[in-house]
């Protein structure tokens, strides 16, 4: 299944109860930019929008975890099979699956290559 806003793959078999959110956002809610799930390890970005119109509880949970517009997020580690991913946000680390990360839209602030060169 593909996410409608960015076109990234979404695993719709994630067995996580309320966290298993694999339904793509409606086309009207599509935003430009990149999804958090598209970032590579070492990349940093700023959250521009969190879109989960059909599941307000998930949107609230992501906000409670610190994914609010303007928040700086960095990609720290990725599981061997690519999912889940550990993100650094608000001075702590947390794991998100690709289905949740695809709902968080970001703007790049630094890539892994630019931070190595500095």
PDB file of N, CA and C in Angstrom:
ATOM      1  N   UNK A   1       0.847  -1.163   0.000  1.00  0.00           N
ATOM      2  CA  UNK A   1       0.000   0.000   0.000  1.00  0.00           C
ATOM      3  C   UNK A   1       0.902   1.238   0.000  1.00  0.00           C
ATOM      4  N   UNK A   2       0.515   2.275  -0.714  1.00  0.00           N
ATOM      5  CA  UNK A   2       1.314   3.505  -0.799  1.00  0.00           C
ATOM      6  C   UNK A   2       0.623   4.650  -0.069  1.00  0.00           C
ATOM      7  N   UNK A   3       1.428   5.475   0.600  1.00  0.00           N
ATOM      8  CA  UNK A   3       0.945   6.665   1.284  1.00  0.00           C
ATOM      9  C   UNK A   3       0.600   7.701   0.222  1.00  0.00           C
ATOM     10  N   UNK A   4      -0.573   8.303   0.297  1.00  0.00           N
ATOM     11  CA  UNK A   4      -1.040   9.203  -0.754  1.00  0.00           C
ATOM     12  C   UNK A   4      -0.260  10.516  -0.821  1.00  0.00           C
ATOM     13  N   UNK A   5       0.282  10.984   0.278  1.00  0.00           N
ATOM     14  CA  UNK A   5       0.967  12.282   0.270  1.00  0.00           C
ATOM     15  C   UNK A   5       2.372  12.192  -0.298  1.00  0.00           C
ATOM     16  N   UNK A   6       3.103  11.120   0.049  1.00  0.00           N
ATOM     17  CA  UNK A   6       4.496  11.062  -0.395  1.00  0.00           C
ATOM     18  C   UNK A   6       4.803   9.854  -1.260  1.00  0.00           C
ATOM     19  N   UNK A   7       3.901   8.875  -1.323  1.00  0.00           N
ATOM     20  CA  UNK A   7       4.112   7.719  -2.165  1.00  0.00           C
ATOM     21  C   UNK A   7       4.957   6.625  -1.539  1.00  0.00           C
ATOM     22  N   UNK A   8       5.340   6.768  -0.271  1.00  0.00           N
ATOM     23  CA  UNK A   8       6.161   5.739   0.367  1.00  0.00           C
ATOM     24  C   UNK A   8       5.324   4.509   0.685  1.00  0.00           C
ATOM     25  N   UNK A   9       5.984   3.372   0.796  1.00  0.00           N
ATOM     26  CA  UNK A   9       5.303   2.124   1.103  1.00  0.00           C
ATOM     27  C   UNK A   9       4.835   2.114   2.550  1.00  0.00           C
ATOM     28  N   UNK A  10       3.645   1.567   2.807  1.00  0.00           N
ATOM     29  CA  UNK A  10       3.114   1.433   4.154  1.00  0.00           C
ATOM     30  C   UNK A  10       2.818  -0.037   4.394  1.00  0.00           C
ATOM     31  N   UNK A  11       3.299  -0.560   5.505  1.00  0.00           N
ATOM     32  CA  UNK A  11       3.037  -1.943   5.875  1.00  0.00           C
ATOM     33  C   UNK A  11       1.676  -2.013   6.540  1.00  0.00           C
ATOM     34  N   UNK A  12       0.693  -2.610   5.865  1.00  0.00           N
ATOM     35  CA  UNK A  12      -0.651  -2.666   6.426  1.00  0.00           C
ATOM     36  C   UNK A  12      -0.897  -3.940   7.235  1.00  0.00           C
ATOM     37  N   UNK A  13       0.176  -4.648   7.594  1.00  0.00           N
ATOM     38  CA  UNK A  13       0.037  -5.870   8.385  1.00  0.00           C
ATOM     39  C   UNK A  13       0.560  -5.708   9.800  1.00  0.00           C
ATOM     40  N   UNK A  14       0.848  -4.486  10.226  1.00  0.00           N
ATOM     41  CA  UNK A  14       1.405  -4.239  11.547  1.00  0.00           C
ATOM     42  C   UNK A  14       0.354  -4.540  12.615  1.00  0.00           C
ATOM     43  N   UNK A  15       0.608  -5.529  13.507  1.00  0.00           N
ATOM     44  CA  UNK A  15      -0.386  -5.923  14.510  1.00  0.00           C
ATOM     45  C   UNK A  15      -0.259  -5.142  15.807  1.00  0.00           C
ATOM     46  N   UNK A  16      -0.525  -3.845  15.793  1.00  0.00           N
ATOM     47  CA  UNK A  16      -0.334  -3.035  16.987  1.00  0.00           C
ATOM     48  C   UNK A  16      -1.601  -2.359  17.469  1.00  0.00           C
ATOM     49  N   UNK A  17      -2.713  -2.993  17.364  1.00  0.00           N
ATOM     50  CA  UNK A  17      -3.958  -2.422  17.880  1.00  0.00           C
ATOM     51  C   UNK A  17      -4.200  -1.027  17.352  1.00  0.00           C
ATOM     52  N   UNK A  18      -4.332  -0.049  18.263  1.00  0.00           N
ATOM     53  CA  UNK A  18      -4.584   1.330  17.880  1.00  0.00           C
ATOM     54  C   UNK A  18      -3.441   1.963  17.123  1.00  0.00           C
ATOM     55  N   UNK A  19      -2.243   1.398  17.233  1.00  0.00           N
ATOM     56  CA  UNK A  19      -1.090   1.955  16.523  1.00  0.00           C
ATOM     57  C   UNK A  19      -1.000   1.464  15.092  1.00  0.00           C
ATOM     58  N   UNK A  20      -1.750   0.447  14.723  1.00  0.00           N
ATOM     59  CA  UNK A  20      -1.675  -0.097  13.364  1.00  0.00           C
ATOM     60  C   UNK A  20      -2.454   0.814  12.429  1.00  0.00           C
ATOM     61  N   UNK A  21      -1.825   1.875  11.994  1.00  0.00           N
ATOM     62  CA  UNK A  21      -2.490   2.859  11.157  1.00  0.00           C
ATOM     63  C   UNK A  21      -1.881   2.816   9.774  1.00  0.00           C
ATOM     64  N   UNK A  22      -2.441   2.021   8.892  1.00  0.00           N
ATOM     65  CA  UNK A  22      -1.884   1.886   7.558  1.00  0.00           C
ATOM     66  C   UNK A  22      -2.793   2.464   6.486  1.00  0.00           C
ATOM     67  N   UNK A  23      -3.875   3.114   6.866  1.00  0.00           N
ATOM     68  CA  UNK A  23      -4.781   3.705   5.903  1.00  0.00           C
ATOM     69  C   UNK A  23      -4.177   5.004   5.396  1.00  0.00           C
ATOM     70  N   UNK A  24      -3.985   5.144   4.086  1.00  0.00           N
ATOM     71  CA  UNK A  24      -3.392   6.378   3.582  1.00  0.00           C
ATOM     72  C   UNK A  24      -4.284   7.589   3.859  1.00  0.00           C
ATOM     73  N   UNK A  25      -3.660   8.725   4.000  1.00  0.00           N
ATOM     74  CA  UNK A  25      -4.415   9.956   4.215  1.00  0.00           C
ATOM     75  C   UNK A  25      -5.189  10.296   2.951  1.00  0.00           C
ATOM     76  N   UNK A  26      -6.348  10.910   3.087  1.00  0.00           N
ATOM     77  CA  UNK A  26      -7.105  11.313   1.903  1.00  0.00           C
ATOM     78  C   UNK A  26      -6.311  12.303   1.062  1.00  0.00           C
ATOM     79  N   UNK A  27      -6.554  12.328  -0.236  1.00  0.00           N
ATOM     80  CA  UNK A  27      -5.813  13.202  -1.138  1.00  0.00           C
ATOM     81  C   UNK A  27      -5.944  14.665  -0.736  1.00  0.00           C
ATOM     82  N   UNK A  28      -7.052  15.063  -0.158  1.00  0.00           N
ATOM     83  CA  UNK A  28      -7.248  16.451   0.246  1.00  0.00           C
ATOM     84  C   UNK A  28      -6.282  16.841   1.358  1.00  0.00           C
ATOM     85  N   UNK A  29      -5.814  15.863   2.130  1.00  0.00           N
ATOM     86  CA  UNK A  29      -4.911  16.161   3.231  1.00  0.00           C
ATOM     87  C   UNK A  29      -3.451  16.078   2.818  1.00  0.00           C
ATOM     88  N   UNK A  30      -3.194  15.828   1.546  1.00  0.00           N
ATOM     89  CA  UNK A  30      -1.817  15.691   1.074  1.00  0.00           C
ATOM     90  C   UNK A  30      -1.070  17.009   1.240  1.00  0.00           C
ATOM     91  N   UNK A  31       0.170  16.891   1.707  1.00  0.00           N
ATOM     92  CA  UNK A  31       1.005  18.074   1.870  1.00  0.00           C
ATOM     93  C   UNK A  31       2.301  17.864   1.110  1.00  0.00           C
ATOM     94  N   UNK A  32       2.905  18.956   0.706  1.00  0.00           N
ATOM     95  CA  UNK A  32       4.177  18.836   0.018  1.00  0.00           C
ATOM     96  C   UNK A  32       5.262  18.574   1.046  1.00  0.00           C
ATOM     97  N   UNK A  33       6.383  18.061   0.590  1.00  0.00           N
ATOM     98  CA  UNK A  33       7.476  17.772   1.495  1.00  0.00           C
ATOM     99  C   UNK A  33       7.735  16.291   1.591  1.00  0.00           C
ATOM    100  N   UNK A  34       8.428  15.921   2.624  1.00  0.00           N
ATOM    101  CA  UNK A  34       8.886  14.557   2.809  1.00  0.00           C
ATOM    102  C   UNK A  34       8.276  13.976   4.068  1.00  0.00           C
ATOM    103  N   UNK A  35       8.043  12.691   4.052  1.00  0.00           N
ATOM    104  CA  UNK A  35       7.582  11.998   5.255  1.00  0.00           C
ATOM    105  C   UNK A  35       8.791  11.632   6.106  1.00  0.00           C
ATOM    106  N   UNK A  36       8.583  11.530   7.396  1.00  0.00           N
ATOM    107  CA  UNK A  36       9.639  11.137   8.321  1.00  0.00           C
ATOM    108  C   UNK A  36      10.214   9.783   7.940  1.00  0.00           C
ATOM    109  N   UNK A  37       9.380   8.889   7.409  1.00  0.00           N
ATOM    110  CA  UNK A  37       9.840   7.547   7.045  1.00  0.00           C
ATOM    111  C   UNK A  37      10.820   7.552   5.874  1.00  0.00           C
ATOM    112  N   UNK A  38      10.927   8.656   5.125  1.00  0.00           N
ATOM    113  CA  UNK A  38      11.821   8.737   3.977  1.00  0.00           C
ATOM    114  C   UNK A  38      13.236   9.178   4.337  1.00  0.00           C
ATOM    115  N   UNK A  39      13.469   9.595   5.568  1.00  0.00           N
ATOM    116  CA  UNK A  39      14.788  10.081   5.965  1.00  0.00           C
ATOM    117  C   UNK A  39      15.756   8.926   6.192  1.00  0.00           C
ATOM    118  N   UNK A  40      17.033   9.180   5.948  1.00  0.00           N
ATOM    119  CA  UNK A  40      18.084   8.191   6.170  1.00  0.00           C
ATOM    120  C   UNK A  40      18.678   8.386   7.565  1.00  0.00           C
ATOM    121  N   UNK A  41      19.368   7.368   8.050  1.00  0.00           N
ATOM    122  CA  UNK A  41      20.034   7.473   9.352  1.00  0.00           C
ATOM    123  C   UNK A  41      21.033   8.627   9.290  1.00  0.00           C
ATOM    124  N   UNK A  42      20.978   9.491  10.287  1.00  0.00           N
ATOM    125  CA  UNK A  42      21.850  10.662  10.347  1.00  0.00           C
ATOM    126  C   UNK A  42      21.185  11.936   9.859  1.00  0.00           C
ATOM    127  N   UNK A  43      20.081  11.831   9.137  1.00  0.00           N
ATOM    128  CA  UNK A  43      19.371  13.016   8.654  1.00  0.00           C
ATOM    129  C   UNK A  43      18.654  13.709   9.810  1.00  0.00           C
ATOM    130  N   UNK A  44      18.523  15.026   9.672  1.00  0.00           N
ATOM    131  CA  UNK A  44      17.740  15.815  10.629  1.00  0.00           C
ATOM    132  C   UNK A  44      16.697  16.598   9.849  1.00  0.00           C
ATOM    133  N   UNK A  45      15.552  16.788  10.477  1.00  0.00           N
ATOM    134  CA  UNK A  45      14.467  17.518   9.821  1.00  0.00           C
ATOM    135  C   UNK A  45      13.610  18.192  10.876  1.00  0.00           C
ATOM    136  N   UNK A  46      12.780  19.107  10.412  1.00  0.00           N
ATOM    137  CA  UNK A  46      11.841  19.811  11.286  1.00  0.00           C
ATOM    138  C   UNK A  46      10.429  19.377  10.892  1.00  0.00           C
ATOM    139  N   UNK A  47       9.628  19.028  11.880  1.00  0.00           N
ATOM    140  CA  UNK A  47       8.249  18.596  11.625  1.00  0.00           C
ATOM    141  C   UNK A  47       7.464  19.776  11.060  1.00  0.00           C
ATOM    142  N   UNK A  48       6.782  19.536   9.925  1.00  0.00           N
ATOM    143  CA  UNK A  48       5.951  20.591   9.344  1.00  0.00           C
ATOM    144  C   UNK A  48       4.469  20.330   9.600  1.00  0.00           C
ATOM    145  N   UNK A  49       4.075  19.040   9.624  1.00  0.00           N
ATOM    146  CA  UNK A  49       2.671  18.720   9.852  1.00  0.00           C
ATOM    147  C   UNK A  49       2.522  17.242  10.193  1.00  0.00           C
ATOM    148  N   UNK A  50       1.538  16.944  11.025  1.00  0.00           N
ATOM    149  CA  UNK A  50       1.171  15.564  11.335  1.00  0.00           C
ATOM    150  C   UNK A  50      -0.256  15.387  10.842  1.00  0.00           C
ATOM    151  N   UNK A  51      -0.463  14.425   9.920  1.00  0.00           N
ATOM    152  CA  UNK A  51      -1.782  14.255   9.317  1.00  0.00           C
ATOM    153  C   UNK A  51      -2.329  12.856   9.551  1.00  0.00           C
ATOM    154  N   UNK A  52      -3.323  12.767  10.417  1.00  0.00           N
ATOM    155  CA  UNK A  52      -4.048  11.514  10.655  1.00  0.00           C
ATOM    156  C   UNK A  52      -5.525  11.879  10.857  1.00  0.00           C
ATOM    157  N   UNK A  53      -6.172  12.402   9.817  1.00  0.00           N
ATOM    158  CA  UNK A  53      -7.545  12.891  10.002  1.00  0.00           C
ATOM    159  C   UNK A  53      -8.544  11.811  10.392  1.00  0.00           C
ATOM    160  N   UNK A  54      -8.317  10.575   9.970  1.00  0.00           N
ATOM    161  CA  UNK A  54      -9.282   9.518  10.277  1.00  0.00           C
ATOM    162  C   UNK A  54      -9.037   8.865  11.635  1.00  0.00           C
ATOM    163  N   UNK A  55      -7.925   9.205  12.305  1.00  0.00           N
ATOM    164  CA  UNK A  55      -7.633   8.663  13.636  1.00  0.00           C
ATOM    165  C   UNK A  55      -7.103   9.777  14.545  1.00  0.00           C
ATOM    166  N   UNK A  56      -7.980  10.593  15.096  1.00  0.00           N
ATOM    167  CA  UNK A  56      -7.533  11.699  15.940  1.00  0.00           C
ATOM    168  C   UNK A  56      -6.752  11.240  17.170  1.00  0.00           C
ATOM    169  N   UNK A  57      -7.032  10.045  17.668  1.00  0.00           N
ATOM    170  CA  UNK A  57      -6.297   9.550  18.834  1.00  0.00           C
ATOM    171  C   UNK A  57      -4.831   9.319  18.493  1.00  0.00           C
ATOM    172  N   UNK A  58      -4.551   8.816  17.304  1.00  0.00           N
ATOM    173  CA  UNK A  58      -3.159   8.616  16.880  1.00  0.00           C
ATOM    174  C   UNK A  58      -2.465   9.957  16.682  1.00  0.00           C
ATOM    175  N   UNK A  59      -3.171  10.906  16.090  1.00  0.00           N
ATOM    176  CA  UNK A  59      -2.600  12.238  15.896  1.00  0.00           C
ATOM    177  C   UNK A  59      -2.248  12.873  17.248  1.00  0.00           C
ATOM    178  N   UNK A  60      -3.123  12.716  18.218  1.00  0.00           N
ATOM    179  CA  UNK A  60      -2.872  13.250  19.566  1.00  0.00           C
ATOM    180  C   UNK A  60      -1.687  12.537  20.218  1.00  0.00           C
ATOM    181  N   UNK A  61      -1.607  11.212  20.048  1.00  0.00           N
ATOM    182  CA  UNK A  61      -0.504  10.436  20.629  1.00  0.00           C
ATOM    183  C   UNK A  61       0.838  10.867  20.048  1.00  0.00           C
ATOM    184  N   UNK A  62       0.892  11.082  18.744  1.00  0.00           N
ATOM    185  CA  UNK A  62       2.134  11.542  18.117  1.00  0.00           C
ATOM    186  C   UNK A  62       2.510  12.929  18.644  1.00  0.00           C
ATOM    187  N   UNK A  63       1.526  13.792  18.840  1.00  0.00           N
ATOM    188  CA  UNK A  63       1.789  15.118  19.410  1.00  0.00           C
ATOM    189  C   UNK A  63       2.295  14.988  20.844  1.00  0.00           C
ATOM    190  N   UNK A  64       1.700  14.091  21.628  1.00  0.00           N
ATOM    191  CA  UNK A  64       2.141  13.864  23.006  1.00  0.00           C
ATOM    192  C   UNK A  64       3.576  13.360  23.062  1.00  0.00           C
ATOM    193  N   UNK A  65       3.985  12.609  22.042  1.00  0.00           N
ATOM    194  CA  UNK A  65       5.354  12.099  21.982  1.00  0.00           C
ATOM    195  C   UNK A  65       6.355  13.175  21.548  1.00  0.00           C
ATOM    196  N   UNK A  66       5.854  14.316  21.095  1.00  0.00           N
ATOM    197  CA  UNK A  66       6.738  15.414  20.729  1.00  0.00           C
ATOM    198  C   UNK A  66       6.738  15.770  19.259  1.00  0.00           C
ATOM    199  N   UNK A  67       5.987  15.071  18.444  1.00  0.00           N
ATOM    200  CA  UNK A  67       5.942  15.352  17.015  1.00  0.00           C
ATOM    201  C   UNK A  67       4.935  16.449  16.732  1.00  0.00           C
ATOM    202  N   UNK A  68       5.349  17.685  16.983  1.00  0.00           N
ATOM    203  CA  UNK A  68       4.522  18.860  16.741  1.00  0.00           C
ATOM    204  C   UNK A  68       5.244  19.758  15.746  1.00  0.00           C
ATOM    205  N   UNK A  69       4.531  20.570  14.977  1.00  0.00           N
ATOM    206  CA  UNK A  69       5.177  21.434  13.994  1.00  0.00           C
ATOM    207  C   UNK A  69       6.273  22.295  14.627  1.00  0.00           C
ATOM    208  N   UNK A  70       7.422  22.312  13.957  1.00  0.00           N
ATOM    209  CA  UNK A  70       8.566  23.079  14.430  1.00  0.00           C
ATOM    210  C   UNK A  70       9.572  22.270  15.225  1.00  0.00           C
ATOM    211  N   UNK A  71       9.230  21.059  15.639  1.00  0.00           N
ATOM    212  CA  UNK A  71      10.123  20.224  16.437  1.00  0.00           C
ATOM    213  C   UNK A  71      11.204  19.617  15.554  1.00  0.00           C
ATOM    214  N   UNK A  72      12.436  19.658  16.015  1.00  0.00           N
ATOM    215  CA  UNK A  72      13.579  19.059  15.316  1.00  0.00           C
ATOM    216  C   UNK A  72      13.618  17.559  15.613  1.00  0.00           C
ATOM    217  N   UNK A  73      13.776  16.743  14.565  1.00  0.00           N
ATOM    218  CA  UNK A  73      13.825  15.294  14.685  1.00  0.00           C
ATOM    219  C   UNK A  73      15.064  14.785  13.961  1.00  0.00           C
ATOM    220  N   UNK A  74      15.752  13.809  14.554  1.00  0.00           N
ATOM    221  CA  UNK A  74      16.889  13.190  13.882  1.00  0.00           C
ATOM    222  C   UNK A  74      16.681  11.681  13.831  1.00  0.00           C
ATOM    223  N   UNK A  75      17.195  11.072  12.773  1.00  0.00           N
ATOM    224  CA  UNK A  75      17.090   9.624  12.607  1.00  0.00           C
ATOM    225  C   UNK A  75      18.354   9.012  13.200  1.00  0.00           C
ATOM    226  N   UNK A  76      18.190   8.202  14.255  1.00  0.00           N
ATOM    227  CA  UNK A  76      19.339   7.662  14.976  1.00  0.00           C
ATOM    228  C   UNK A  76      19.730   6.254  14.525  1.00  0.00           C
ATOM    229  N   UNK A  77      18.769   5.351  14.477  1.00  0.00           N
ATOM    230  CA  UNK A  77      19.047   3.957  14.112  1.00  0.00           C
ATOM    231  C   UNK A  77      17.857   3.363  13.387  1.00  0.00           C
ATOM    232  N   UNK A  78      18.165   2.369  12.571  1.00  0.00           N
ATOM    233  CA  UNK A  78      17.118   1.643  11.851  1.00  0.00           C
ATOM    234  C   UNK A  78      17.298   0.160  12.150  1.00  0.00           C
ATOM    235  N   UNK A  79      16.207  -0.556  12.368  1.00  0.00           N
ATOM    236  CA  UNK A  79      16.259  -1.995  12.623  1.00  0.00           C
ATOM    237  C   UNK A  79      16.853  -2.700  11.399  1.00  0.00           C
ATOM    238  N   UNK A  80      17.419  -3.879  11.583  1.00  0.00           N
ATOM    239  CA  UNK A  80      18.050  -4.597  10.464  1.00  0.00           C
ATOM    240  C   UNK A  80      17.139  -4.784   9.244  1.00  0.00           C
ATOM    241  N   UNK A  81      15.865  -4.973   9.447  1.00  0.00           N
ATOM    242  CA  UNK A  81      14.951  -5.130   8.317  1.00  0.00           C
ATOM    243  C   UNK A  81      14.282  -3.814   7.923  1.00  0.00           C
ATOM    244  N   UNK A  82      14.721  -2.696   8.520  1.00  0.00           N
ATOM    245  CA  UNK A  82      14.234  -1.377   8.137  1.00  0.00           C
ATOM    246  C   UNK A  82      13.074  -0.827   8.943  1.00  0.00           C
ATOM    247  N   UNK A  83      12.461  -1.633   9.792  1.00  0.00           N
ATOM    248  CA  UNK A  83      11.302  -1.173  10.548  1.00  0.00           C
ATOM    249  C   UNK A  83      11.292  -1.875  11.896  1.00  0.00           C
ATOM    250  N   UNK A  84      11.211  -1.211  13.008  1.00  0.00           N
ATOM    251  CA  UNK A  84      11.001   0.217  13.239  1.00  0.00           C
ATOM    252  C   UNK A  84      12.305   1.014  13.164  1.00  0.00           C
ATOM    253  N   UNK A  85      12.174   2.325  13.364  1.00  0.00           N
ATOM    254  CA  UNK A  85      13.292   3.262  13.329  1.00  0.00           C
ATOM    255  C   UNK A  85      13.315   4.034  14.644  1.00  0.00           C
ATOM    256  N   UNK A  86      14.521   4.295  15.156  1.00  0.00           N
ATOM    257  CA  UNK A  86      14.681   5.083  16.379  1.00  0.00           C
ATOM    258  C   UNK A  86      14.931   6.533  15.976  1.00  0.00           C
ATOM    259  N   UNK A  87      14.103   7.428  16.504  1.00  0.00           N
ATOM    260  CA  UNK A  87      14.216   8.858  16.227  1.00  0.00           C
ATOM    261  C   UNK A  87      14.600   9.592  17.498  1.00  0.00           C
ATOM    262  N   UNK A  88      15.372  10.648  17.359  1.00  0.00           N
ATOM    263  CA  UNK A  88      15.679  11.539  18.465  1.00  0.00           C
ATOM    264  C   UNK A  88      14.761  12.742  18.358  1.00  0.00           C
ATOM    265  N   UNK A  89      13.994  12.979  19.408  1.00  0.00           N
ATOM    266  CA  UNK A  89      13.063  14.110  19.422  1.00  0.00           C
ATOM    267  C   UNK A  89      12.966  14.618  20.857  1.00  0.00           C
ATOM    268  N   UNK A  90      13.060  15.928  21.044  1.00  0.00           N
ATOM    269  CA  UNK A  90      12.918  16.548  22.370  1.00  0.00           C
ATOM    270  C   UNK A  90      13.855  15.918  23.411  1.00  0.00           C
ATOM    271  N   UNK A  91      15.106  15.716  23.085  1.00  0.00           N
ATOM    272  CA  UNK A  91      16.124  15.185  24.005  1.00  0.00           C
ATOM    273  C   UNK A  91      15.866  13.766  24.472  1.00  0.00           C
ATOM    274  N   UNK A  92      15.090  12.985  23.749  1.00  0.00           N
ATOM    275  CA  UNK A  92      14.937  11.569  24.072  1.00  0.00           C
ATOM    276  C   UNK A  92      14.810  10.779  22.776  1.00  0.00           C
ATOM    277  N   UNK A  93      14.878   9.461  22.902  1.00  0.00           N
ATOM    278  CA  UNK A  93      14.790   8.577  21.755  1.00  0.00           C
ATOM    279  C   UNK A  93      13.495   7.783  21.810  1.00  0.00           C
ATOM    280  N   UNK A  94      12.882   7.584  20.649  1.00  0.00           N
ATOM    281  CA  UNK A  94      11.705   6.735  20.595  1.00  0.00           C
ATOM    282  C   UNK A  94      11.632   6.044  19.248  1.00  0.00           C
ATOM    283  N   UNK A  95      10.916   4.939  19.231  1.00  0.00           N
ATOM    284  CA  UNK A  95      10.770   4.094  18.046  1.00  0.00           C
ATOM    285  C   UNK A  95       9.404   4.307  17.411  1.00  0.00           C
ATOM    286  N   UNK A  96       9.385   4.397  16.100  1.00  0.00           N
ATOM    287  CA  UNK A  96       8.125   4.435  15.358  1.00  0.00           C
ATOM    288  C   UNK A  96       8.207   3.453  14.203  1.00  0.00           C
ATOM    289  N   UNK A  97       7.101   2.849  13.903  1.00  0.00           N
ATOM    290  CA  UNK A  97       7.017   2.016  12.706  1.00  0.00           C
ATOM    291  C   UNK A  97       6.768   2.913  11.505  1.00  0.00           C
ATOM    292  N   UNK A  98       7.039   2.372  10.341  1.00  0.00           N
ATOM    293  CA  UNK A  98       6.896   3.122   9.090  1.00  0.00           C
ATOM    294  C   UNK A  98       5.478   3.677   8.913  1.00  0.00           C
ATOM    295  N   UNK A  99       4.467   2.919   9.324  1.00  0.00           N
ATOM    296  CA  UNK A  99       3.075   3.375   9.169  1.00  0.00           C
ATOM    297  C   UNK A  99       2.820   4.667   9.940  1.00  0.00           C
ATOM    298  N   UNK A 100       3.392   4.796  11.138  1.00  0.00           N
ATOM    299  CA  UNK A 100       3.213   6.028  11.910  1.00  0.00           C
ATOM    300  C   UNK A 100       4.109   7.145  11.368  1.00  0.00           C
ATOM    301  N   UNK A 101       5.348   6.816  11.032  1.00  0.00           N
ATOM    302  CA  UNK A 101       6.285   7.830  10.534  1.00  0.00           C
ATOM    303  C   UNK A 101       5.827   8.423   9.205  1.00  0.00           C
ATOM    304  N   UNK A 102       5.049   7.671   8.428  1.00  0.00           N
ATOM    305  CA  UNK A 102       4.571   8.183   7.141  1.00  0.00           C
ATOM    306  C   UNK A 102       3.535   9.289   7.319  1.00  0.00           C
ATOM    307  N   UNK A 103       2.989   9.438   8.504  1.00  0.00           N
ATOM    308  CA  UNK A 103       1.992  10.473   8.783  1.00  0.00           C
ATOM    309  C   UNK A 103       2.619  11.773   9.260  1.00  0.00           C
ATOM    310  N   UNK A 104       3.933  11.770   9.482  1.00  0.00           N
ATOM    311  CA  UNK A 104       4.641  12.952   9.976  1.00  0.00           C
ATOM    312  C   UNK A 104       5.407  13.558   8.809  1.00  0.00           C
ATOM    313  N   UNK A 105       5.029  14.748   8.398  1.00  0.00           N
ATOM    314  CA  UNK A 105       5.659  15.428   7.268  1.00  0.00           C
ATOM    315  C   UNK A 105       6.728  16.378   7.797  1.00  0.00           C
ATOM    316  N   UNK A 106       7.880  16.369   7.125  1.00  0.00           N
ATOM    317  CA  UNK A 106       9.026  17.116   7.613  1.00  0.00           C
ATOM    318  C   UNK A 106       9.678  17.914   6.497  1.00  0.00           C
ATOM    319  N   UNK A 107      10.520  18.858   6.906  1.00  0.00           N
ATOM    320  CA  UNK A 107      11.373  19.620   6.001  1.00  0.00           C
ATOM    321  C   UNK A 107      12.802  19.367   6.428  1.00  0.00           C
ATOM    322  N   UNK A 108      13.672  18.998   5.490  1.00  0.00           N
ATOM    323  CA  UNK A 108      15.068  18.710   5.808  1.00  0.00           C
ATOM    324  C   UNK A 108      15.757  19.911   6.448  1.00  0.00           C
ATOM    325  N   UNK A 109      16.585  19.651   7.441  1.00  0.00           N
ATOM    326  CA  UNK A 109      17.461  20.691   7.985  1.00  0.00           C
ATOM    327  C   UNK A 109      18.921  20.301   7.772  1.00  0.00           C
ATOM    328  N   UNK A 110      19.230  18.997   7.781  1.00  0.00           N
ATOM    329  CA  UNK A 110      20.589  18.529   7.541  1.00  0.00           C
ATOM    330  C   UNK A 110      20.532  17.064   7.125  1.00  0.00           C
ATOM    331  N   UNK A 111      21.416  16.699   6.195  1.00  0.00           N
ATOM    332  CA  UNK A 111      21.502  15.300   5.797  1.00  0.00           C
ATOM    333  C   UNK A 111      22.721  14.661   6.454  1.00  0.00           C
ATOM    334  N   UNK A 112      22.794  13.358   6.395  1.00  0.00           N
ATOM    335  CA  UNK A 112      23.919  12.633   6.989  1.00  0.00           C
ATOM    336  C   UNK A 112      25.240  13.092   6.367  1.00  0.00           C
ATOM    337  N   UNK A 113      25.260  13.361   5.058  1.00  0.00           N
ATOM    338  CA  UNK A 113      26.497  13.781   4.390  1.00  0.00           C
ATOM    339  C   UNK A 113      26.938  15.162   4.840  1.00  0.00           C
ATOM    340  N   UNK A 114      26.000  16.106   4.988  1.00  0.00           N
ATOM    341  CA  UNK A 114      26.381  17.456   5.387  1.00  0.00           C
ATOM    342  C   UNK A 114      26.846  17.518   6.825  1.00  0.00           C
ATOM    343  N   UNK A 115      26.356  16.628   7.708  1.00  0.00           N
ATOM    344  CA  UNK A 115      26.816  16.645   9.091  1.00  0.00           C
ATOM    345  C   UNK A 115      28.184  15.998   9.225  1.00  0.00           C
ATOM    346  N   UNK A 116      28.536  15.036   8.339  1.00  0.00           N
ATOM    347  CA  UNK A 116      29.862  14.431   8.363  1.00  0.00           C
ATOM    348  C   UNK A 116      30.932  15.404   7.889  1.00  0.00           C
ATOM    349  N   UNK A 117      30.580  16.256   6.926  1.00  0.00           N
ATOM    350  CA  UNK A 117      31.539  17.196   6.372  1.00  0.00           C
ATOM    351  C   UNK A 117      31.831  18.349   7.312  1.00  0.00           C
ATOM    352  N   UNK A 118      30.919  18.656   8.200  1.00  0.00           N
ATOM    353  CA  UNK A 118      31.088  19.819   9.083  1.00  0.00           C
ATOM    354  C   UNK A 118      31.982  19.527  10.262  1.00  0.00           C
TER     355      UNK A 118
END
